[in-house]
C-alpha atoms as a PDB file:
ATOM      1  CA  SER A   1    -107.465 -86.022  49.238  1.00  0.00           C
ATOM      2  CA  HIS A   2    -104.691 -84.472  51.349  1.00  0.00           C
ATOM      3  CA  TYR A   3    -102.020 -85.978  49.137  1.00  0.00           C
ATOM      4  CA  GLY A   4    -100.544 -84.619  45.904  1.00  0.00           C
ATOM      5  CA  ARG A   5     -98.088 -82.037  44.628  1.00  0.00           C
ATOM      6  CA  GLY A   6     -98.093 -78.802  46.564  1.00  0.00           C
ATOM      7  CA  HIS A   7     -99.911 -80.267  49.550  1.00  0.00           C
ATOM      8  CA  LEU A   8     -98.642 -79.841  53.062  1.00  0.00           C
ATOM      9  CA  ILE A   9     -99.689 -83.309  54.254  1.00  0.00           C
ATOM     10  CA  ASP A  10     -98.186 -86.201  52.248  1.00  0.00           C
ATOM     11  CA  LYS A  11     -96.497 -89.602  52.736  1.00  0.00           C
ATOM     12  CA  ASN A  12     -93.474 -87.938  54.405  1.00  0.00           C
ATOM     13  CA  LEU A  13     -95.451 -85.556  56.633  1.00  0.00           C
ATOM     14  CA  THR A  14     -98.646 -87.232  57.862  1.00  0.00           C
ATOM     15  CA  LEU A  15    -101.275 -85.858  60.218  1.00  0.00           C
ATOM     16  CA  ALA A  16    -100.026 -88.366  62.822  1.00  0.00           C
ATOM     17  CA  ILE A  17     -96.492 -86.910  62.607  1.00  0.00           C
ATOM     18  CA  VAL A  18     -97.841 -83.354  62.936  1.00  0.00           C
ATOM     19  CA  ASP A  19     -99.784 -84.470  66.017  1.00  0.00           C
ATOM     20  CA  LEU A  20     -96.732 -86.198  67.525  1.00  0.00           C
ATOM     21  CA  VAL A  21     -94.509 -83.138  66.984  1.00  0.00           C
ATOM     22  CA  PHE A  22     -97.132 -80.862  68.554  1.00  0.00           C
ATOM     23  CA  ASN A  23     -97.305 -83.127  71.592  1.00  0.00           C
ATOM     24  CA  GLN A  24     -93.477 -83.136  71.849  1.00  0.00           C
ATOM     25  CA  ILE A  25     -93.118 -79.341  71.772  1.00  0.00           C
ATOM     26  CA  LYS A  26     -96.110 -78.210  73.856  1.00  0.00           C
ATOM     27  CA  PRO A  27     -95.758 -77.772  77.617  1.00  0.00           C
ATOM     28  CA  LYS A  28     -96.941 -80.733  79.748  1.00  0.00           C
ATOM     29  CA  GLY A  29    -100.688 -80.481  80.328  1.00  0.00           C
ATOM     30  CA  GLY A  30    -100.907 -77.506  77.972  1.00  0.00           C
ATOM     31  CA  ARG A  31    -102.989 -77.199  74.813  1.00  0.00           C
ATOM     32  CA  THR A  32    -101.381 -74.108  73.307  1.00  0.00           C
ATOM     33  CA  ILE A  33     -97.875 -73.080  72.241  1.00  0.00           C
ATOM     34  CA  THR A  34     -96.049 -69.774  71.904  1.00  0.00           C
ATOM     35  CA  PHE A  35     -94.860 -68.462  68.522  1.00  0.00           C
ATOM     36  CA  LYS A  36     -91.256 -69.311  69.457  1.00  0.00           C
ATOM     37  CA  VAL A  37     -92.228 -72.924  70.204  1.00  0.00           C
ATOM     38  CA  PHE A  38     -94.297 -72.990  66.977  1.00  0.00           C
ATOM     39  CA  CYS A  39     -91.154 -72.037  65.038  1.00  0.00           C
ATOM     40  CA  GLU A  40     -89.230 -74.864  66.749  1.00  0.00           C
ATOM     41  CA  GLY A  41     -92.041 -77.197  65.688  1.00  0.00           C
ATOM     42  CA  LEU A  42     -91.691 -76.016  62.072  1.00  0.00           C
ATOM     43  CA  ASP A  43     -87.989 -76.936  62.223  1.00  0.00           C
ATOM     44  CA  LYS A  44     -88.910 -80.486  63.360  1.00  0.00           C
ATOM     45  CA  LEU A  45     -91.680 -80.833  60.749  1.00  0.00           C
ATOM     46  CA  GLY A  46     -89.269 -79.730  58.021  1.00  0.00           C
ATOM     47  CA  SER A  47     -87.067 -82.723  58.817  1.00  0.00           C
ATOM     48  CA  TYR A  48     -90.002 -85.039  58.017  1.00  0.00           C
ATOM     49  CA  LYS A  49     -91.303 -83.129  54.988  1.00  0.00           C
ATOM     50  CA  TYR A  50     -87.897 -82.742  53.280  1.00  0.00           C
ATOM     51  CA  PRO A  51     -85.643 -85.490  54.728  1.00  0.00           C
ATOM     52  CA  ALA A  52     -82.900 -85.243  52.034  1.00  0.00           C
ATOM     53  CA  GLU A  53     -82.603 -81.442  52.317  1.00  0.00           C
ATOM     54  CA  PHE A  54     -82.629 -81.688  56.122  1.00  0.00           C
ATOM     55  CA  LYS A  55     -79.708 -84.145  56.056  1.00  0.00           C
ATOM     56  CA  GLN A  56     -77.641 -81.706  54.012  1.00  0.00           C
ATOM     57  CA  GLY A  57     -78.585 -78.300  55.397  1.00  0.00           C
ATOM     58  CA  GLY A  58     -80.573 -78.887  58.583  1.00  0.00           C
ATOM     59  CA  ALA A  59     -83.533 -76.755  59.587  1.00  0.00           C
ATOM     60  CA  ALA A  60     -82.043 -73.719  57.795  1.00  0.00           C
ATOM     61  CA  ALA A  61     -82.651 -75.534  54.485  1.00  0.00           C
ATOM     62  CA  THR A  62     -86.103 -76.981  55.200  1.00  0.00           C
ATOM     63  CA  THR A  63     -87.996 -74.474  57.361  1.00  0.00           C
ATOM     64  CA  PRO A  64     -88.164 -71.687  54.717  1.00  0.00           C
ATOM     65  CA  LYS A  65     -89.487 -74.232  52.161  1.00  0.00           C
ATOM     66  CA  LEU A  66     -92.084 -75.451  54.651  1.00  0.00           C
ATOM     67  CA  VAL A  67     -93.211 -71.896  55.497  1.00  0.00           C
ATOM     68  CA  GLU A  68     -93.543 -71.120  51.769  1.00  0.00           C
ATOM     69  CA  LEU A  69     -95.659 -74.254  51.291  1.00  0.00           C
ATOM     70  CA  ILE A  70     -97.875 -73.340  54.269  1.00  0.00           C
ATOM     71  CA  ASN A  71     -98.403 -69.860  52.793  1.00  0.00           C
ATOM     72  CA  LYS A  72     -99.520 -71.401  49.478  1.00  0.00           C
ATOM     73  CA  GLN A  73    -102.273 -73.471  51.107  1.00  0.00           C
ATOM     74  CA  LYS A  74    -105.911 -72.518  50.548  1.00  0.00           C
ATOM     75  CA  VAL A  75    -107.399 -71.149  53.732  1.00  0.00           C
ATOM     76  CA  PRO A  76    -111.003 -71.766  54.790  1.00  0.00           C
ATOM     77  CA  VAL A  77    -113.243 -68.739  54.202  1.00  0.00           C
ATOM     78  CA  SER A  78    -116.293 -68.034  56.332  1.00  0.00           C
ATOM     79  CA  THR A  79    -118.789 -65.542  54.967  1.00  0.00           C
ATOM     80  CA  GLY A  80    -121.607 -66.098  57.461  1.00  0.00           C
ATOM     81  CA  THR A  81    -125.297 -65.788  56.614  1.00  0.00           C
ATOM     82  CA  LYS A  82    -127.799 -62.963  56.580  1.00  0.00           C
ATOM     83  CA  ALA A  83    -131.340 -63.639  57.780  1.00  0.00           C
ATOM     84  CA  GLN A  84    -134.048 -63.260  55.146  1.00  0.00           C
ATOM     85  CA  ALA A  85    -136.893 -60.794  55.685  1.00  0.00           C
ATOM     86  CA  ASN A  86    -139.830 -62.220  57.656  1.00  0.00           C
ATOM     87  CA  LYS A  87    -142.912 -60.023  57.898  1.00  0.00           C
ATOM     88  CA  PHE A  88    -144.163 -61.685  61.108  1.00  0.00           C
ATOM     89  CA  HIS A  89    -140.884 -60.912  62.863  1.00  0.00           C
ATOM     90  CA  ASP A  90    -140.004 -57.560  61.299  1.00  0.00           C
ATOM     91  CA  ASP A  91    -143.408 -55.800  61.382  1.00  0.00           C
ATOM     92  CA  LYS A  92    -144.367 -55.146  65.015  1.00  0.00           C
ATOM     93  CA  LYS A  93    -147.965 -54.274  63.939  1.00  0.00           C
ATOM     94  CA  LEU A  94    -148.459 -57.977  63.118  1.00  0.00           C
ATOM     95  CA  TYR A  95    -147.487 -59.142  66.632  1.00  0.00           C
ATOM     96  CA  THR A  96    -150.249 -60.967  68.540  1.00  0.00           C
ATOM     97  CA  GLY A  97    -151.118 -61.772  72.161  1.00  0.00           C
ATOM     98  CA  VAL A  98    -148.744 -60.736  74.944  1.00  0.00           C
ATOM     99  CA  HIS A  99    -146.110 -59.601  72.442  1.00  0.00           C
ATOM    100  CA  ALA A 100    -148.533 -57.089  70.895  1.00  0.00           C
ATOM    101  CA  LYS A 101    -148.820 -55.447  74.340  1.00  0.00           C
ATOM    102  CA  GLY A 102    -145.054 -55.080  74.809  1.00  0.00           C
ATOM    103  CA  GLY A 103    -143.958 -58.614  75.627  1.00  0.00           C
ATOM    104  CA  PRO A 104    -144.020 -60.794  78.721  1.00  0.00           C
ATOM    105  CA  SER A 105    -143.142 -59.343  82.110  1.00  0.00           C
ATOM    106  CA  THR A 106    -139.940 -60.375  83.840  1.00  0.00           C
ATOM    107  CA  ASN A 107    -141.422 -59.581  87.269  1.00  0.00           C
ATOM    108  CA  ASP A 108    -143.098 -62.779  88.512  1.00  0.00           C
ATOM    109  CA  ASN A 109    -143.469 -61.586  92.163  1.00  0.00           C
ATOM    110  CA  ARG A 110    -141.348 -64.512  93.338  1.00  0.00           C
ATOM    111  CA  ILE A 111    -139.841 -64.685  96.807  1.00  0.00           C
ATOM    112  CA  THR A 112    -136.225 -63.647  96.410  1.00  0.00           C
ATOM    113  CA  LEU A 113    -133.299 -63.447  98.804  1.00  0.00           C
ATOM    114  CA  SER A 114    -133.451 -59.638  98.749  1.00  0.00           C
ATOM    115  CA  GLY A 115    -137.172 -59.804  99.606  1.00  0.00           C
ATOM    116  CA  LEU A 116    -136.579 -62.265 102.461  1.00  0.00           C
ATOM    117  CA  ALA A 117    -133.719 -60.215 103.884  1.00  0.00           C
ATOM    118  CA  ASN A 118    -135.630 -56.938 103.617  1.00  0.00           C
ATOM    119  CA  ARG A 119    -134.721 -54.817 106.685  1.00  0.00           C
ATOM    120  CA  ALA A 120    -137.079 -51.928 105.893  1.00  0.00           C
ATOM    121  CA  PRO A 121    -139.249 -50.690 108.787  1.00  0.00           C
ATOM    122  CA  ALA A 122    -142.510 -52.675 109.185  1.00  0.00           C
ATOM    123  CA  ASN A 123    -145.909 -51.992 110.794  1.00  0.00           C
ATOM    124  CA  ALA A 124    -147.513 -54.078 113.597  1.00  0.00           C
ATOM    125  CA  ARG A 125    -148.639 -56.750 111.120  1.00  0.00           C
ATOM    126  CA  GLY A 126    -145.081 -57.174 109.770  1.00  0.00           C
ATOM    127  CA  LEU A 127    -145.768 -55.491 106.444  1.00  0.00           C
ATOM    128  CA  ASN A 128    -143.368 -52.908 105.110  1.00  0.00           C
ATOM    129  CA  LYS A 129    -144.506 -49.321 105.524  1.00  0.00           C
END
């Protein structure tokens, strides 16, 4: 659950409010904001998160509390994965077929634009010398 003591999102500051504030502060048609605009957004969010403190001291009273709460949040950690050893992939002596002989060719002798527009000198039959 998002709700509880020490959580950023609660009954005063809902995900919908965060979304509304973001849409108010971002440039029209934009999807990103500058750090300066982000700080202005924090001021607005502080008024929702701590309404009583905001009434008394404004953003100066609420923004530092909000920043402290954000810093206390658990952040997602990504460790990634490491592939396990696979003898059929790792040991090239076990490769079979085309791959045992060095892999498939990337030259399929297709007609290409550079072949069609070849301006090299040709013989009487039209073949390149």
